[in-house]
Protein backbone atom coordinates (compact mmCIF):
# COMPACT_ATOMS: atom_id res chain seq x y z
CA MET A 1 -38.85 -62.06 -53.64
CA ASN A 2 -36.90 -58.95 -52.48
CA ASN A 3 -39.19 -56.61 -50.58
CA LEU A 4 -36.46 -55.07 -48.45
CA GLN A 5 -37.19 -51.46 -47.36
CA ILE A 6 -34.57 -49.26 -45.83
CA THR A 7 -34.54 -45.61 -44.70
CA ASN A 8 -32.53 -43.59 -47.20
CA SER A 9 -30.89 -40.54 -45.71
CA LEU A 10 -30.93 -38.83 -49.11
CA SER A 11 -34.82 -38.64 -49.09
CA ASN A 12 -35.31 -39.25 -45.39
CA LYS A 13 -37.93 -41.77 -46.30
CA LYS A 14 -38.27 -45.55 -46.14
CA GLU A 15 -37.71 -46.79 -49.78
CA ILE A 16 -37.96 -50.16 -51.44
CA PHE A 17 -34.41 -51.41 -52.15
CA ILE A 18 -33.95 -51.74 -56.01
CA PRO A 19 -30.45 -52.88 -56.87
CA ILE A 20 -28.59 -51.50 -59.90
CA ASN A 21 -27.69 -55.00 -60.83
CA PRO A 22 -29.34 -57.98 -58.88
CA LYS A 23 -26.40 -60.16 -59.73
CA LYS A 24 -23.94 -57.78 -57.99
CA ILE A 25 -25.26 -56.03 -54.87
CA SER A 26 -22.78 -53.36 -53.75
CA LEU A 27 -22.37 -52.11 -50.14
CA TYR A 28 -19.64 -49.70 -48.89
CA VAL A 29 -19.33 -48.93 -45.25
CA CYS A 30 -16.86 -46.43 -43.69
CA GLY A 31 -14.48 -48.48 -41.43
CA PRO A 32 -12.21 -47.41 -38.58
CA THR A 33 -9.53 -44.84 -38.43
CA VAL A 34 -6.98 -46.94 -36.56
CA TYR A 35 -5.57 -44.70 -33.89
CA ASP A 36 -7.29 -46.20 -30.90
CA ASP A 37 -9.27 -49.21 -30.01
CA PRO A 38 -12.99 -49.16 -31.10
CA HIS A 39 -15.66 -48.55 -28.59
CA VAL A 40 -19.17 -49.92 -28.44
CA GLY A 41 -20.45 -46.82 -30.32
CA ASN A 42 -18.13 -47.89 -33.29
CA GLY A 43 -19.41 -51.51 -32.60
CA ARG A 44 -22.88 -50.48 -33.41
CA ALA A 45 -22.03 -49.57 -37.04
CA LEU A 46 -20.14 -52.88 -37.19
CA VAL A 47 -23.14 -54.92 -36.01
CA VAL A 48 -25.79 -52.97 -37.85
CA PHE A 49 -24.02 -53.25 -41.31
CA ASP A 50 -23.12 -56.87 -40.65
CA LEU A 51 -26.80 -57.52 -40.19
CA LEU A 52 -27.62 -55.75 -43.36
CA TYR A 53 -24.89 -57.79 -45.15
CA ARG A 54 -26.56 -60.95 -43.68
CA VAL A 55 -29.92 -59.88 -44.93
CA LEU A 56 -28.60 -59.13 -48.46
CA ILE A 57 -26.89 -62.51 -48.51
CA GLU A 58 -30.13 -64.31 -47.58
CA LEU A 59 -32.01 -62.39 -50.39
CA PHE A 60 -29.40 -62.47 -53.16
CA GLY A 61 -26.82 -65.15 -52.28
CA LYS A 62 -23.34 -64.49 -50.84
CA ASP A 63 -21.51 -64.64 -54.23
CA LYS A 64 -23.72 -61.83 -55.45
CA VAL A 65 -23.11 -59.39 -52.62
CA ALA A 66 -19.89 -57.22 -52.48
CA TYR A 67 -19.36 -55.66 -49.08
CA VAL A 68 -16.41 -53.18 -48.85
CA ARG A 69 -15.33 -51.72 -45.56
CA ASN A 70 -12.16 -49.64 -45.59
CA ILE A 71 -9.42 -49.02 -43.04
CA THR A 72 -8.13 -45.53 -42.75
CA ASP A 73 -4.49 -46.01 -41.68
CA ILE A 74 -3.31 -42.40 -42.39
CA ASP A 75 -4.95 -39.47 -40.71
CA ASP A 76 -4.12 -36.54 -38.43
CA LYS A 77 -5.45 -38.49 -35.42
CA ILE A 78 -3.22 -41.30 -36.09
CA ILE A 79 -0.14 -38.89 -36.21
CA GLU A 80 -1.28 -37.28 -32.95
CA ALA A 81 -1.69 -40.74 -31.27
CA SER A 82 1.64 -41.89 -32.58
CA ASN A 83 3.35 -38.94 -31.00
CA LYS A 84 1.44 -39.37 -27.76
CA THR A 85 2.12 -43.08 -27.41
CA LYS A 86 5.74 -42.82 -28.73
CA LYS A 87 4.90 -45.63 -31.14
CA SER A 88 5.69 -45.50 -34.90
CA ILE A 89 2.79 -45.03 -37.28
CA SER A 90 3.20 -48.59 -38.70
CA GLU A 91 3.43 -50.10 -35.18
CA LEU A 92 0.34 -48.18 -33.92
CA THR A 93 -1.88 -48.79 -37.01
CA LEU A 94 -0.94 -52.57 -37.12
CA GLU A 95 -1.80 -53.01 -33.39
CA VAL A 96 -5.04 -51.23 -33.55
CA THR A 97 -6.00 -52.90 -36.83
CA ASN A 98 -5.33 -56.32 -35.23
CA ASN A 99 -7.45 -55.25 -32.14
CA PHE A 100 -10.15 -54.13 -34.52
CA HIS A 101 -10.30 -57.52 -36.17
CA SER A 102 -10.40 -59.21 -32.85
CA ASP A 103 -13.38 -57.05 -31.91
CA CYS A 104 -15.15 -57.94 -35.17
CA LYS A 105 -14.54 -61.61 -34.35
CA SER A 106 -15.88 -61.23 -30.86
CA LEU A 107 -19.04 -59.59 -32.17
CA PHE A 108 -19.36 -62.48 -34.71
CA CYS A 109 -19.39 -60.10 -37.74
CA LEU A 110 -18.76 -61.69 -41.12
CA LYS A 111 -15.66 -60.63 -43.03
CA PRO A 112 -16.33 -58.08 -45.72
CA SER A 113 -15.62 -59.07 -49.38
CA ASN A 114 -12.71 -56.46 -49.39
CA GLU A 115 -11.04 -54.38 -46.76
CA PRO A 116 -8.81 -51.97 -48.46
CA LYS A 117 -6.34 -49.69 -46.61
CA ALA A 118 -5.92 -46.07 -47.41
CA THR A 119 -2.10 -46.29 -47.60
CA GLU A 120 -2.41 -48.86 -50.38
CA HIS A 121 -4.37 -46.50 -52.65
CA VAL A 122 -2.48 -43.25 -52.48
CA ASP A 123 -1.57 -43.28 -56.26
CA GLU A 124 -5.20 -43.47 -57.12
CA MET A 125 -5.85 -40.52 -54.70
CA ILE A 126 -3.27 -38.44 -56.38
CA SER A 127 -4.77 -39.32 -59.76
CA MET A 128 -8.25 -38.26 -58.78
CA THR A 129 -7.03 -35.03 -57.28
CA LYS A 130 -5.24 -34.18 -60.52
CA ASP A 131 -8.42 -34.85 -62.45
CA LEU A 132 -10.52 -32.65 -60.09
CA ILE A 133 -8.08 -29.76 -60.65
CA LYS A 134 -8.32 -30.20 -64.39
CA LYS A 135 -12.05 -30.20 -64.38
CA GLY A 136 -12.02 -26.85 -62.34
CA ALA A 137 -13.57 -28.46 -59.25
CA ALA A 138 -10.35 -28.15 -57.16
CA TYR A 139 -7.39 -25.76 -56.73
CA GLU A 140 -3.86 -25.88 -55.31
CA ASN A 141 -2.35 -23.26 -52.93
CA LYS A 142 1.24 -23.72 -51.70
CA GLY A 143 1.10 -27.45 -51.68
CA HIS A 144 -2.54 -27.64 -50.32
CA VAL A 145 -5.19 -28.86 -52.63
CA TYR A 146 -8.89 -28.10 -51.87
CA PHE A 147 -12.17 -29.11 -53.42
CA MET A 148 -14.14 -26.04 -54.43
CA VAL A 149 -17.63 -26.61 -52.98
CA SER A 150 -19.22 -23.71 -55.03
CA SER A 151 -18.46 -25.84 -58.14
CA PHE A 152 -20.90 -28.55 -57.00
CA LYS A 153 -24.56 -27.34 -57.11
CA ASN A 154 -26.00 -30.16 -55.08
CA TYR A 155 -23.71 -29.75 -52.09
CA GLY A 156 -25.75 -30.08 -48.89
CA LYS A 157 -28.45 -32.36 -50.31
CA LEU A 158 -27.56 -35.36 -48.09
CA SER A 159 -27.46 -33.22 -44.91
CA ASN A 160 -30.43 -31.30 -46.09
CA LYS A 161 -28.79 -27.95 -45.49
CA ASN A 162 -28.11 -24.98 -47.80
CA LEU A 163 -24.65 -23.45 -47.97
CA ASP A 164 -25.33 -20.62 -45.57
CA GLU A 165 -26.49 -23.03 -42.91
CA LEU A 166 -23.46 -25.24 -43.43
CA VAL A 167 -21.01 -22.25 -43.09
CA SER A 168 -22.68 -20.95 -39.85
CA GLY A 169 -22.71 -24.46 -38.17
CA ALA A 170 -19.93 -26.05 -40.03
CA ARG A 171 -17.46 -28.68 -38.59
CA VAL A 172 -14.80 -27.31 -40.98
CA LYS A 173 -11.35 -25.93 -40.42
CA VAL A 174 -10.65 -22.33 -41.21
CA SER A 175 -7.54 -22.02 -43.28
CA GLU A 176 -5.67 -19.06 -44.98
CA PHE A 177 -5.14 -21.36 -48.04
CA LYS A 178 -8.88 -21.79 -48.60
CA LYS A 179 -10.96 -19.67 -51.04
CA ASP A 180 -14.09 -20.46 -49.12
CA PRO A 181 -14.70 -21.79 -45.61
CA LEU A 182 -16.55 -24.93 -46.86
CA ASP A 183 -13.84 -25.95 -49.28
CA PHE A 184 -12.24 -29.13 -48.04
CA VAL A 185 -8.88 -30.83 -48.23
CA LEU A 186 -7.93 -33.20 -51.00
CA TRP A 187 -4.20 -33.12 -50.31
CA LYS A 188 -2.07 -31.45 -47.64
CA PRO A 189 1.69 -31.01 -47.05
CA SER A 190 3.51 -33.34 -44.74
CA LEU A 191 6.14 -32.25 -42.18
CA ASP A 192 9.53 -34.09 -42.40
CA LYS A 193 8.65 -36.38 -39.54
CA GLU A 194 5.10 -37.05 -40.79
CA PRO A 195 4.14 -39.89 -43.29
CA GLY A 196 4.07 -38.43 -46.85
CA TRP A 197 4.07 -39.35 -50.58
CA GLU A 198 5.47 -37.47 -53.48
CA SER A 199 2.89 -35.63 -55.62
CA PRO A 200 2.69 -32.87 -58.17
CA TRP A 201 2.10 -30.56 -55.25
CA GLY A 202 5.07 -31.59 -53.16
CA ARG A 203 5.46 -34.24 -50.43
CA GLY A 204 2.12 -34.76 -48.66
CA ARG A 205 -0.77 -37.01 -47.79
CA PRO A 206 -4.48 -37.26 -48.81
CA GLY A 207 -7.51 -35.90 -47.06
CA TRP A 208 -9.80 -38.28 -45.34
CA HIS A 209 -12.86 -37.75 -47.59
CA LEU A 210 -10.76 -38.45 -50.70
CA GLU A 211 -9.81 -41.81 -49.37
CA CYS A 212 -13.36 -43.30 -49.22
CA SER A 213 -14.16 -41.89 -52.75
CA VAL A 214 -11.22 -43.61 -54.23
CA MET A 215 -11.54 -47.01 -52.50
CA SER A 216 -15.42 -47.26 -53.08
CA GLU A 217 -14.92 -46.54 -56.79
CA LYS A 218 -12.02 -49.07 -57.19
CA TYR A 219 -13.94 -51.92 -55.58
CA LEU A 220 -17.61 -51.10 -56.37
CA GLY A 221 -17.47 -48.67 -59.30
CA LYS A 222 -18.47 -45.02 -59.85
CA HIS A 223 -22.13 -45.74 -58.93
CA PHE A 224 -23.10 -48.36 -56.40
CA ASP A 225 -26.16 -49.43 -54.36
CA ILE A 226 -25.62 -48.63 -50.67
CA HIS A 227 -23.20 -46.49 -48.65
CA GLY A 228 -23.33 -46.74 -44.94
CA GLY A 229 -21.89 -45.33 -41.73
CA GLY A 230 -22.69 -43.56 -38.43
CA LEU A 231 -24.99 -40.65 -38.13
CA ASP A 232 -22.11 -38.28 -37.48
CA LEU A 233 -20.57 -39.00 -40.92
CA ILE A 234 -23.38 -37.34 -42.84
CA PHE A 235 -21.71 -34.04 -42.62
CA PRO A 236 -18.98 -33.30 -43.61
CA HIS A 237 -17.62 -36.75 -44.59
CA HIS A 238 -20.38 -38.28 -46.72
CA GLU A 239 -21.45 -34.93 -48.12
CA ASN A 240 -17.79 -34.34 -49.30
CA GLU A 241 -17.56 -37.78 -50.71
CA ILE A 242 -20.67 -37.19 -52.88
CA ALA A 243 -19.31 -33.80 -54.14
CA GLN A 244 -15.80 -34.99 -55.04
CA SER A 245 -16.94 -38.34 -56.64
CA CYS A 246 -19.77 -36.88 -58.63
CA ALA A 247 -17.71 -33.92 -59.77
CA ASN A 248 -14.97 -36.21 -60.91
CA ASN A 249 -17.27 -38.69 -62.68
CA ASN A 250 -19.76 -36.14 -64.07
CA SER A 251 -22.55 -38.10 -62.37
CA LYS A 252 -25.64 -37.27 -60.30
CA LYS A 253 -25.17 -39.96 -57.77
CA LEU A 254 -22.37 -41.88 -55.83
CA ALA A 255 -24.72 -44.35 -54.06
CA ASN A 256 -28.47 -44.77 -54.43
CA TYR A 257 -29.15 -45.46 -50.77
CA TRP A 258 -27.38 -43.82 -47.87
CA ILE A 259 -27.97 -45.59 -44.53
CA HIS A 260 -26.92 -44.14 -41.07
CA ASN A 261 -27.10 -45.77 -37.62
CA GLY A 262 -27.91 -43.75 -34.59
CA PHE A 263 -25.53 -42.94 -31.64
CA ILE A 264 -24.76 -44.98 -28.56
CA THR A 265 -25.20 -42.77 -25.42
CA TYR A 266 -23.95 -43.25 -21.95
CA ASN A 267 -26.07 -41.72 -19.29
CA LYS A 268 -27.94 -39.97 -22.17
CA GLN A 269 -24.71 -38.41 -23.49
CA LYS A 270 -23.19 -39.39 -26.88
CA MET A 271 -20.47 -41.92 -26.26
CA SER A 272 -17.34 -40.29 -27.70
CA LYS A 273 -13.57 -40.65 -27.26
CA SER A 274 -13.27 -36.88 -27.05
CA VAL A 275 -15.68 -36.86 -24.14
CA GLY A 276 -14.02 -39.80 -22.56
CA ASN A 277 -17.22 -41.66 -21.66
CA ILE A 278 -16.45 -44.79 -23.67
CA THR A 279 -16.54 -48.53 -23.08
CA THR A 280 -14.34 -50.43 -25.58
CA ILE A 281 -15.77 -53.41 -27.43
CA LYS A 282 -12.99 -55.43 -25.86
CA GLU A 283 -14.00 -54.45 -22.37
CA ALA A 284 -17.76 -55.16 -22.90
CA SER A 285 -17.11 -58.50 -24.66
CA LYS A 286 -14.71 -59.69 -21.92
CA LYS A 287 -17.29 -58.90 -19.21
CA TYR A 288 -20.40 -60.11 -20.95
CA SER A 289 -19.36 -62.03 -24.04
CA GLY A 290 -19.59 -60.81 -27.60
CA GLN A 291 -22.92 -62.41 -28.13
CA VAL A 292 -24.50 -60.36 -25.36
CA VAL A 293 -22.93 -57.22 -26.67
CA ARG A 294 -24.15 -58.04 -30.23
CA LEU A 295 -27.83 -58.62 -28.84
CA ALA A 296 -27.66 -55.45 -26.85
CA LEU A 297 -26.64 -53.48 -29.98
CA LEU A 298 -29.51 -54.96 -31.88
CA SER A 299 -32.00 -54.29 -29.15
CA ALA A 300 -33.02 -50.88 -30.48
CA GLN A 301 -33.88 -50.15 -34.05
CA TYR A 302 -30.59 -49.06 -35.84
CA LYS A 303 -31.75 -45.41 -36.49
CA GLN A 304 -32.67 -44.81 -32.81
CA PRO A 305 -30.29 -43.80 -30.02
CA LEU A 306 -29.38 -46.56 -27.58
CA ASP A 307 -28.27 -45.89 -24.06
CA TRP A 308 -25.43 -48.16 -22.83
CA ASN A 309 -25.57 -49.31 -19.24
CA ASP A 310 -25.12 -52.38 -17.01
CA ASP A 311 -28.82 -53.08 -16.86
CA LEU A 312 -29.10 -53.40 -20.57
CA LEU A 313 -26.30 -55.82 -20.76
CA LEU A 314 -27.31 -57.87 -17.72
CA GLU A 315 -30.81 -58.24 -19.22
CA GLN A 316 -29.51 -59.35 -22.62
CA SER A 317 -27.17 -61.75 -20.77
CA LYS A 318 -30.20 -63.32 -19.07
CA VAL A 319 -32.11 -63.53 -22.29
CA LEU A 320 -29.26 -65.30 -23.95
CA ASP A 321 -28.81 -67.75 -21.10
CA LYS A 322 -32.52 -68.70 -21.45
CA TRP A 323 -32.39 -68.90 -25.19
CA TYR A 324 -29.29 -71.08 -25.17
CA THR A 325 -31.28 -73.79 -23.39
CA MET A 326 -32.86 -74.40 -26.74
CA TYR A 327 -29.47 -74.18 -28.55
CA SER A 328 -29.11 -76.79 -31.34
CA SER A 329 -26.68 -77.37 -34.21
CA GLU A 330 -29.70 -78.49 -36.30
CA ILE A 331 -31.55 -75.66 -37.97
CA ASN A 332 -34.31 -75.26 -40.57
CA SER A 333 -33.26 -74.57 -44.25
CA GLU A 334 -36.45 -72.45 -44.65
CA ILE A 335 -36.36 -68.79 -43.83
CA PRO A 336 -38.66 -68.14 -40.68
CA ASN A 337 -41.61 -65.72 -41.08
CA CYS A 338 -40.10 -63.18 -38.70
CA PHE A 339 -37.40 -62.52 -41.40
CA GLN A 340 -39.96 -60.13 -42.86
CA ASP A 341 -39.34 -57.84 -39.89
CA LEU A 342 -35.76 -57.46 -40.92
CA LEU A 343 -36.91 -56.53 -44.46
CA ASP A 344 -38.97 -53.72 -42.87
CA ASP A 345 -35.98 -51.41 -42.22
CA LEU A 346 -34.10 -53.96 -40.15
CA ASN A 347 -36.69 -53.85 -37.41
CA THR A 348 -34.73 -55.76 -34.84
CA PRO A 349 -36.90 -54.93 -31.76
CA LEU A 350 -39.89 -56.55 -33.42
CA TYR A 351 -37.78 -59.47 -34.69
CA ILE A 352 -36.42 -60.04 -31.24
CA SER A 353 -39.99 -59.99 -29.84
CA LYS A 354 -40.79 -62.81 -32.28
CA LEU A 355 -37.82 -64.73 -31.13
CA HIS A 356 -39.12 -64.64 -27.55
CA ASN A 357 -42.45 -66.06 -28.88
CA LEU A 358 -40.62 -68.71 -30.83
CA PHE A 359 -38.76 -69.73 -27.73
CA LYS A 360 -41.94 -70.26 -25.79
CA LYS A 361 -43.19 -72.51 -28.57
CA CYS A 362 -39.98 -74.56 -28.48
CA GLN A 363 -40.69 -75.42 -24.82
CA SER A 364 -43.50 -77.72 -25.91
CA GLY A 365 -40.85 -80.01 -27.22
CA ASP A 366 -41.66 -79.31 -30.89
CA ILE A 367 -38.46 -80.25 -32.79
CA ASN A 368 -39.39 -78.22 -35.90
CA LYS A 369 -40.02 -75.02 -33.77
CA LYS A 370 -36.64 -75.67 -32.19
CA LYS A 371 -34.89 -75.80 -35.59
CA GLU A 372 -36.83 -72.63 -36.75
CA PHE A 373 -35.79 -70.85 -33.52
CA ASN A 374 -32.09 -71.73 -34.11
CA LYS A 375 -32.29 -70.56 -37.66
CA ALA A 376 -33.93 -67.32 -36.67
CA CYS A 377 -31.17 -66.76 -34.07
CA ARG A 378 -28.41 -67.40 -36.57
CA LEU A 379 -29.95 -65.00 -39.12
CA ILE A 380 -29.04 -62.06 -36.91
CA GLY A 381 -25.66 -63.51 -35.82
CA LEU A 382 -26.62 -65.24 -32.53
CA PHE A 383 -25.90 -68.74 -31.46
CA GLU A 384 -22.49 -68.43 -33.10
CA GLU A 385 -20.98 -69.07 -29.73
CA ASN A 386 -21.27 -72.74 -28.93
CA LEU A 387 -23.20 -73.95 -25.85
CA GLU A 388 -19.99 -74.84 -23.82
CA THR A 389 -18.48 -71.38 -24.27
CA ARG A 390 -21.75 -69.70 -23.42
CA ASN A 391 -22.10 -71.65 -20.26
CA LYS A 392 -18.69 -70.49 -19.02
CA TYR A 393 -20.05 -66.95 -19.10
CA LYS A 394 -23.29 -68.10 -17.53
CA SER A 395 -21.46 -69.56 -14.55
CA THR A 396 -19.15 -66.63 -13.86
CA LYS A 397 -21.14 -63.37 -14.47
CA VAL A 398 -23.55 -61.38 -12.25
CA LYS A 399 -27.07 -62.05 -13.38
CA ILE A 400 -29.15 -59.41 -11.59
CA THR A 401 -30.34 -56.07 -12.90
CA LYS A 402 -30.73 -52.75 -11.13
CA THR A 403 -34.52 -53.13 -11.44
CA GLU A 404 -34.47 -56.54 -9.77
CA ILE A 405 -32.08 -55.27 -7.08
CA LEU A 406 -34.49 -52.44 -6.20
CA ASP A 407 -37.47 -54.78 -6.31
CA LEU A 408 -35.69 -57.11 -3.76
CA ILE A 409 -34.75 -54.22 -1.57
CA ASN A 410 -38.36 -52.98 -1.60
CA LYS A 411 -39.73 -56.55 -0.78
CA ARG A 412 -37.12 -56.63 2.11
CA GLN A 413 -38.33 -53.32 3.48
CA ASN A 414 -41.92 -54.53 3.33
CA ALA A 415 -40.98 -57.72 5.21
CA LYS A 416 -39.23 -55.67 7.88
CA ASN A 417 -42.19 -53.37 8.15
CA THR A 418 -44.54 -56.37 8.90
CA GLY A 419 -42.01 -57.96 11.32
CA ASN A 420 -40.99 -60.78 8.96
CA TYR A 421 -37.22 -60.47 9.71
CA LYS A 422 -36.59 -64.00 8.66
CA LEU A 423 -37.73 -63.17 5.07
CA ALA A 424 -35.77 -59.87 5.25
CA ASP A 425 -32.56 -61.79 6.19
CA GLU A 426 -33.24 -64.38 3.27
CA ILE A 427 -33.45 -61.52 0.83
CA ARG A 428 -30.26 -59.98 2.08
CA GLY A 429 -28.55 -63.39 1.63
CA GLU A 430 -30.05 -63.68 -1.83
CA LEU A 431 -28.57 -60.32 -2.85
CA ASP A 432 -25.26 -61.24 -1.22
CA LYS A 433 -25.05 -64.38 -3.45
CA GLU A 434 -25.63 -62.08 -6.44
CA GLY A 435 -22.66 -60.01 -5.50
CA ILE A 436 -24.75 -57.18 -4.02
CA VAL A 437 -23.92 -55.59 -0.68
CA ILE A 438 -26.63 -53.60 1.06
CA GLU A 439 -26.44 -51.13 3.91
CA ASP A 440 -29.44 -49.76 5.90
CA LYS A 441 -29.38 -46.04 6.56
CA LYS A 442 -31.89 -43.93 8.53
CA ASP A 443 -34.55 -43.59 5.84
CA LYS A 444 -33.31 -45.72 3.08
CA THR A 445 -31.11 -48.82 2.03
CA GLU A 446 -28.13 -48.25 -0.07
CA TRP A 447 -26.47 -50.94 -2.23
CA LYS A 448 -23.34 -51.60 -4.24
CA TYR A 449 -21.55 -54.33 -6.24
CA LYS A 450 -18.97 -56.36 -4.19
């Protein structure tokens, strides 16, 4: 029985998921703009919606779930990156797309049902733009085509803002070609050296928002179940998708449920390429393994912020090393009871706490509990890495967290204070084996990784 509940950004409430058609569940997620390698902030959306896809498959069957994740391979950021790296657009987008697919594989994300590219759907984008102009929802000005926000009365409903609020705090570009500051681009002219397609308004290229509206409609229809993406996409991207799609289709809804994952922070600041405080998925997976990165990304409930740091990853690495002692290729066919926690708005922290309890029960030697534990791990995309591969990481990576380091330093200080210098030396040696160098100063002990 389906009792999945998810937080819908449209209502800002947790709602029971009721599919439009139980025989064809539809999920669209905004994929990457392929101008640079994805960082772990991008990886969170990958893992969160991969988890949702897995849950939907368990509930309805894989043949009844259509998961579409697009690739934006034409965008101003791509043109800028191409100019900066001196690589052609095609060379750059192919390279970054391949790296993205490698990252998906390292995180053990299932392949979506369809992965359309924006450049393969330009004809449909031109067609939708023409239709919006005919319906009075868009206008052309010197080769630029804009959607007229004032023509769509429900604009701002997703972001829960009125038009005055959106104008005052808008992430929108001011342009002399616009009638209103909130109007957004459907089509723009291309310079001679820029990628472009012939259109009724001259040679140009589509706007980013238009791309997702066209591709979601082509593969899932004018009205589908779930639309997902990062929290930063609510405005303007998703708000604009709704406006142009509903205006074009004379409909009230594009998707019934809108799901947004929270940000990854680094030292409490949002991880962002523009800020420069990023860790790529490739870097993190190489150092800790993709399974550790995946578990770390699932350690917080998807709506909540997650601070990225070495302590988090080292702790998850230790957890996986422990859990892999119960690894088995044999699993239960039955769904474990803890699956109910995933149905409660993808409550991964509670689910993972149940995995810890299941692991303890496995230690008694109960074969059925071991099978149940292995099934429960695989439900969230863990244990996809075989035991041999995991052990290679186990034997080569640092396994001590900052908290444990400070605890040992404190014990060493206490030993010195009581005159137990033998124990103090043993602790120094233990830290050294873990790759930690300590140095005694006047009033404190400082440490660093070798």
